[in-house]
Amino acid sequence: MTWTVKMADARYDGYEEGFDEGREAGIQVGIQQGIEQGIERGAYETKLETAKAMFLDKIPVETISKYTSLPLETVLELAQEI
């Protein structure tokens, strides 16, 4: 085997290793982003459920917005759904 062939093989091996490492890193980033989005969605859903319960207890929409950190428009829309 010539020196040129050995160098080409070494470059290819390095490429494969780098590609595998990059793919694994990308998968890990994707998993982390998915977890973060799930947590955010769960927190938002909890706020909506809390707002519904507060609305059913006849708490003013301004107060609901204040304590749930939901925009007043969102609380008003939610009030129309109930």
C-alpha atoms as a PDB file:
ATOM      1  CA  MET A   1       0.000   0.000   0.000  1.00  0.00           C
ATOM      2  CA  THR A   2       1.407   3.370  -0.959  1.00  0.00           C
ATOM      3  CA  TRP A   3       1.728   6.372   1.253  1.00  0.00           C
ATOM      4  CA  THR A   4      -0.955   8.217  -0.777  1.00  0.00           C
ATOM      5  CA  VAL A   5      -3.440   5.397  -0.295  1.00  0.00           C
ATOM      6  CA  LYS A   6      -2.714   5.292   3.441  1.00  0.00           C
ATOM      7  CA  MET A   7      -3.310   9.052   3.712  1.00  0.00           C
ATOM      8  CA  ALA A   8      -6.585   8.759   1.790  1.00  0.00           C
ATOM      9  CA  ASP A   9      -7.699   5.938   4.072  1.00  0.00           C
ATOM     10  CA  ALA A  10      -6.760   7.970   7.144  1.00  0.00           C
ATOM     11  CA  ARG A  11      -8.705  10.990   5.863  1.00  0.00           C
ATOM     12  CA  TYR A  12     -11.730   8.819   5.149  1.00  0.00           C
ATOM     13  CA  ASP A  13     -11.544   7.269   8.623  1.00  0.00           C
ATOM     14  CA  GLY A  14     -11.325  10.752  10.135  1.00  0.00           C
ATOM     15  CA  TYR A  15     -14.286  11.868   8.071  1.00  0.00           C
ATOM     16  CA  GLU A  16     -16.370   8.903   9.230  1.00  0.00           C
ATOM     17  CA  GLU A  17     -15.442   9.488  12.860  1.00  0.00           C
ATOM     18  CA  GLY A  18     -16.248  13.212  12.616  1.00  0.00           C
ATOM     19  CA  PHE A  19     -19.524  12.491  10.876  1.00  0.00           C
ATOM     20  CA  ASP A  20     -20.559   9.991  13.551  1.00  0.00           C
ATOM     21  CA  GLU A  21     -19.639  12.394  16.338  1.00  0.00           C
ATOM     22  CA  GLY A  22     -21.531  15.237  14.643  1.00  0.00           C
ATOM     23  CA  ARG A  23     -24.604  13.092  14.133  1.00  0.00           C
ATOM     24  CA  GLU A  24     -24.573  11.995  17.778  1.00  0.00           C
ATOM     25  CA  ALA A  25     -24.176  15.607  18.939  1.00  0.00           C
ATOM     26  CA  GLY A  26     -27.093  16.633  16.699  1.00  0.00           C
ATOM     27  CA  ILE A  27     -29.282  13.901  18.140  1.00  0.00           C
ATOM     28  CA  GLN A  28     -28.451  15.015  21.683  1.00  0.00           C
ATOM     29  CA  VAL A  29     -29.266  18.644  20.847  1.00  0.00           C
ATOM     30  CA  GLY A  30     -32.566  17.544  19.315  1.00  0.00           C
ATOM     31  CA  ILE A  31     -33.477  15.506  22.367  1.00  0.00           C
ATOM     32  CA  GLN A  32     -32.658  18.422  24.671  1.00  0.00           C
ATOM     33  CA  GLN A  33     -34.725  20.824  22.585  1.00  0.00           C
ATOM     34  CA  GLY A  34     -37.637  18.391  22.637  1.00  0.00           C
ATOM     35  CA  ILE A  35     -37.462  18.121  26.409  1.00  0.00           C
ATOM     36  CA  GLU A  36     -37.363  21.899  26.793  1.00  0.00           C
ATOM     37  CA  GLN A  37     -40.330  22.353  24.461  1.00  0.00           C
ATOM     38  CA  GLY A  38     -42.267  19.715  26.379  1.00  0.00           C
ATOM     39  CA  ILE A  39     -41.594  21.442  29.674  1.00  0.00           C
ATOM     40  CA  GLU A  40     -42.639  24.814  28.240  1.00  0.00           C
ATOM     41  CA  ARG A  41     -45.822  23.325  26.775  1.00  0.00           C
ATOM     42  CA  GLY A  42     -46.654  21.641  30.064  1.00  0.00           C
ATOM     43  CA  ALA A  43     -46.179  24.892  31.980  1.00  0.00           C
ATOM     44  CA  TYR A  44     -48.430  26.718  29.515  1.00  0.00           C
ATOM     45  CA  GLU A  45     -51.120  24.039  29.762  1.00  0.00           C
ATOM     46  CA  THR A  46     -50.964  24.293  33.559  1.00  0.00           C
ATOM     47  CA  LYS A  47     -51.480  28.052  33.350  1.00  0.00           C
ATOM     48  CA  LEU A  48     -54.504  27.530  31.113  1.00  0.00           C
ATOM     49  CA  GLU A  49     -56.027  24.989  33.501  1.00  0.00           C
ATOM     50  CA  THR A  50     -55.415  27.312  36.441  1.00  0.00           C
ATOM     51  CA  ALA A  51     -57.025  30.186  34.552  1.00  0.00           C
ATOM     52  CA  LYS A  52     -60.082  28.032  33.779  1.00  0.00           C
ATOM     53  CA  ALA A  53     -60.484  27.108  37.429  1.00  0.00           C
ATOM     54  CA  MET A  54     -60.097  30.736  38.494  1.00  0.00           C
ATOM     55  CA  PHE A  55     -62.639  31.855  35.910  1.00  0.00           C
ATOM     56  CA  LEU A  56     -65.137  29.276  37.131  1.00  0.00           C
ATOM     57  CA  ASP A  57     -64.655  30.706  40.637  1.00  0.00           C
ATOM     58  CA  LYS A  58     -65.664  34.091  39.174  1.00  0.00           C
ATOM     59  CA  ILE A  59     -62.274  35.707  39.684  1.00  0.00           C
ATOM     60  CA  PRO A  60     -61.876  38.827  37.506  1.00  0.00           C
ATOM     61  CA  VAL A  61     -60.007  38.277  34.242  1.00  0.00           C
ATOM     62  CA  GLU A  62     -57.448  40.959  35.133  1.00  0.00           C
ATOM     63  CA  THR A  63     -56.587  39.060  38.308  1.00  0.00           C
ATOM     64  CA  ILE A  64     -56.392  35.770  36.422  1.00  0.00           C
ATOM     65  CA  SER A  65     -54.030  37.343  33.902  1.00  0.00           C
ATOM     66  CA  LYS A  66     -51.886  38.776  36.670  1.00  0.00           C
ATOM     67  CA  TYR A  67     -51.488  35.541  38.630  1.00  0.00           C
ATOM     68  CA  THR A  68     -51.121  33.158  35.689  1.00  0.00           C
ATOM     69  CA  SER A  69     -48.855  35.481  33.669  1.00  0.00           C
ATOM     70  CA  LEU A  70     -51.105  34.868  30.686  1.00  0.00           C
ATOM     71  CA  PRO A  71     -51.851  37.815  28.413  1.00  0.00           C
ATOM     72  CA  LEU A  72     -55.243  39.390  29.083  1.00  0.00           C
ATOM     73  CA  GLU A  73     -56.283  38.569  25.507  1.00  0.00           C
ATOM     74  CA  THR A  74     -55.604  34.872  26.121  1.00  0.00           C
ATOM     75  CA  VAL A  75     -57.644  34.912  29.326  1.00  0.00           C
ATOM     76  CA  LEU A  76     -60.523  36.665  27.544  1.00  0.00           C
ATOM     77  CA  GLU A  77     -60.449  34.075  24.757  1.00  0.00           C
ATOM     78  CA  LEU A  78     -60.410  31.304  27.334  1.00  0.00           C
ATOM     79  CA  ALA A  79     -63.381  32.887  29.121  1.00  0.00           C
ATOM     80  CA  GLN A  80     -65.383  32.751  25.886  1.00  0.00           C
ATOM     81  CA  GLU A  81     -64.639  29.034  25.486  1.00  0.00           C
ATOM     82  CA  ILE A  82     -65.999  28.151  28.920  1.00  0.00           C
END
